[in-house]
Amino acid sequence: MILTIFPLVAGSLRLLELAGGPEVLPANPRVAASPIPLVLHVLGAAVYAVAGAFQFPARIRRRHRTWHRRTGRVLVVAGLVVAGSGLWMTLFYPGAPGGDLLWIVRLIVSSAMAAALVLGFTAIRRRDIAAHRAWMIRAYALAVAAGTQVFTQGVGEGAFGTGELSTALSVSAGWVINAAAAEWIIRRPAAKRTRRARAAAAARA
């Protein structure tokens, strides 16, 4: 949840500018020329990041199953809006920082997030809760990586400058860190169950 604060604040300030408010952030002519994809991206991300954080705690899921299911459907749509608008901006906003490397990474991440959402939705339709949980964790981790990138980009560009390669690597690092954290979270319960089973077997031996 904390990771969502910085990108949501920045996105809100950009929307305020587009609505005629004061210019607080650096000018972005790409956004000014075609603001609708960014508006969809920010609004979708706000819904997905904030409401999505309450989908994962087991206590909330057990007590509010109907809410979990209904909100989940909304979040799949919101997440696909985030991934789709991100893909559109990557393809059609020219001259984004980071050069070709970051352009390719953005294509991969947007496509991976969309795929994870679709796979997570199809998994729950066939009652595969473990796969549903895993794919939704992956999608959420990629979506909130913008918060991690505040730190990785700050450190990377502070240490290595603001060149295209530095920007590409530091921004990409945010997605890599979140993806790795997601895989650790997904596999951690299985590892715990394995240790408990081994301990129980050893006790019976």
Foldseek 3Di string as FASTA:
>chain_A
DVLQVVVLVVLVQVVCVQVPHDDDDDDDVLCNVPVVLSVLQNVLLVLLQPVVVQLPDPVSCVVCVVCNVVSLVVNLVSLLSNLVSQLVCLVPRPDDAQPPLLSVVSNVLSVLLNVLSVQLVVCVVVPNNLSNVLSSQLNNLSSSLSSVLVVLLVVQCVVPNRHNNSNSVSSSVSSVVSNVVSVCVSCVVVVVVVVVVVVVVVVVD
